[in-house]
Amino acid sequence: MFLGKVVGTVWATRKDEELVGMKFQVVKHIGLDYKLKDTFVIAVDTVQAGVGDVVLVCSGSSARQTVQTKNKPVDAVIMAVVDTLDVTDK
């Protein structure tokens, strides 16, 4: 899993029928300081995240373990909207 920030939406009206009804978001990786990194993924949104939300993303075969993505051709899924981070830096 990794932390990311939703920075955009992918609109795809023609897609594999296994993906019909799914919303795709552009998610940039972020660090614990909330700074954006240069890398990004396209992730299926299962929690109604919006642009600007900090999210928890799961990738790889684990992305196909949610109710909405089970056995679908998905490589990344937004599975939580993060309210806050509580990090101790010693």
Protein backbone atom coordinates (compact mmCIF):
# COMPACT_ATOMS: atom_id res chain seq x y z
CA MET A 1 0.00 0.00 0.00
CA PHE A 2 1.06 3.58 -0.43
CA LEU A 3 -0.17 7.08 0.25
CA GLY A 4 -1.23 9.22 -2.66
CA LYS A 5 -3.12 12.33 -3.59
CA VAL A 6 -5.86 12.35 -6.21
CA VAL A 7 -4.87 14.90 -8.84
CA GLY A 8 -7.24 14.07 -11.68
CA THR A 9 -9.81 11.81 -13.25
CA VAL A 10 -9.54 9.53 -16.26
CA TRP A 11 -12.58 9.55 -18.54
CA ALA A 12 -12.89 6.44 -20.66
CA THR A 13 -16.27 5.84 -22.26
CA ARG A 14 -15.11 2.79 -24.20
CA LYS A 15 -13.56 0.14 -22.01
CA ASP A 16 -13.53 -3.56 -21.24
CA GLU A 17 -16.96 -4.63 -20.01
CA GLU A 18 -15.39 -5.82 -16.74
CA LEU A 19 -14.56 -2.17 -16.03
CA VAL A 20 -17.95 -0.63 -16.83
CA GLY A 21 -19.18 1.47 -13.92
CA MET A 22 -15.75 1.93 -12.40
CA LYS A 23 -14.26 5.38 -11.82
CA PHE A 24 -10.57 5.91 -12.54
CA GLN A 25 -8.47 8.48 -10.71
CA VAL A 26 -4.97 9.78 -11.33
CA VAL A 27 -3.08 9.39 -8.04
CA LYS A 28 0.35 10.87 -7.42
CA HIS A 29 2.53 9.29 -4.76
CA ILE A 30 3.18 11.45 -1.68
CA GLY A 31 5.60 11.27 1.23
CA LEU A 32 4.78 11.50 4.93
CA ASP A 33 5.21 15.27 4.58
CA TYR A 34 2.37 15.29 2.00
CA LYS A 35 4.78 16.47 -0.73
CA LEU A 36 3.94 15.18 -4.19
CA LYS A 37 6.40 12.90 -5.91
CA ASP A 38 6.85 12.67 -9.68
CA THR A 39 5.34 9.18 -9.97
CA PHE A 40 1.68 8.37 -10.37
CA VAL A 41 -0.76 5.52 -10.98
CA ILE A 42 -4.22 5.21 -12.43
CA ALA A 43 -6.39 3.61 -9.76
CA VAL A 44 -9.97 2.39 -9.56
CA ASP A 45 -11.83 4.41 -6.97
CA THR A 46 -13.96 2.28 -4.61
CA VAL A 47 -14.57 4.92 -1.92
CA GLN A 48 -15.79 7.99 -3.84
CA ALA A 49 -12.51 9.89 -3.43
CA GLY A 50 -12.23 13.26 -5.11
CA VAL A 51 -9.51 15.47 -6.51
CA GLY A 52 -7.39 16.77 -3.64
CA ASP A 53 -8.08 13.84 -1.30
CA VAL A 54 -5.18 12.00 0.32
CA VAL A 55 -5.83 8.32 -0.22
CA LEU A 56 -4.54 4.86 0.59
CA VAL A 57 -3.87 2.85 -2.56
CA CYS A 58 -3.28 -0.86 -2.91
CA SER A 59 -1.53 -2.18 -5.99
CA GLY A 60 -0.65 -5.45 -7.64
CA SER A 61 -2.71 -8.59 -7.18
CA SER A 62 -4.01 -7.26 -3.85
CA ALA A 63 -5.89 -4.59 -5.81
CA ARG A 64 -8.19 -7.34 -7.04
CA GLN A 65 -9.27 -8.33 -3.53
CA THR A 66 -11.97 -5.70 -2.93
CA VAL A 67 -15.63 -6.49 -3.51
CA GLN A 68 -15.75 -4.16 -6.52
CA THR A 69 -12.50 -5.26 -8.14
CA LYS A 70 -12.53 -9.00 -7.48
CA ASN A 71 -11.21 -10.85 -10.54
CA LYS A 72 -11.18 -7.64 -12.64
CA PRO A 73 -8.24 -6.44 -14.77
CA VAL A 74 -7.15 -3.89 -12.15
CA ASP A 75 -3.64 -3.11 -10.92
CA ALA A 76 -4.35 -0.31 -8.42
CA VAL A 77 -7.33 0.55 -6.24
CA ILE A 78 -8.14 3.46 -3.93
CA MET A 79 -9.36 1.70 -0.81
CA ALA A 80 -9.48 4.52 1.76
CA VAL A 81 -9.61 8.29 2.07
CA VAL A 82 -7.08 9.36 4.71
CA ASP A 83 -8.35 11.76 7.37
CA THR A 84 -5.05 12.35 9.16
CA LEU A 85 -1.60 10.89 9.57
CA ASP A 86 -0.16 10.52 13.06
CA VAL A 87 3.56 10.02 12.55
CA THR A 88 6.28 10.26 15.17
CA ASP A 89 9.71 11.18 13.87
CA LYS A 90 12.40 10.49 16.45
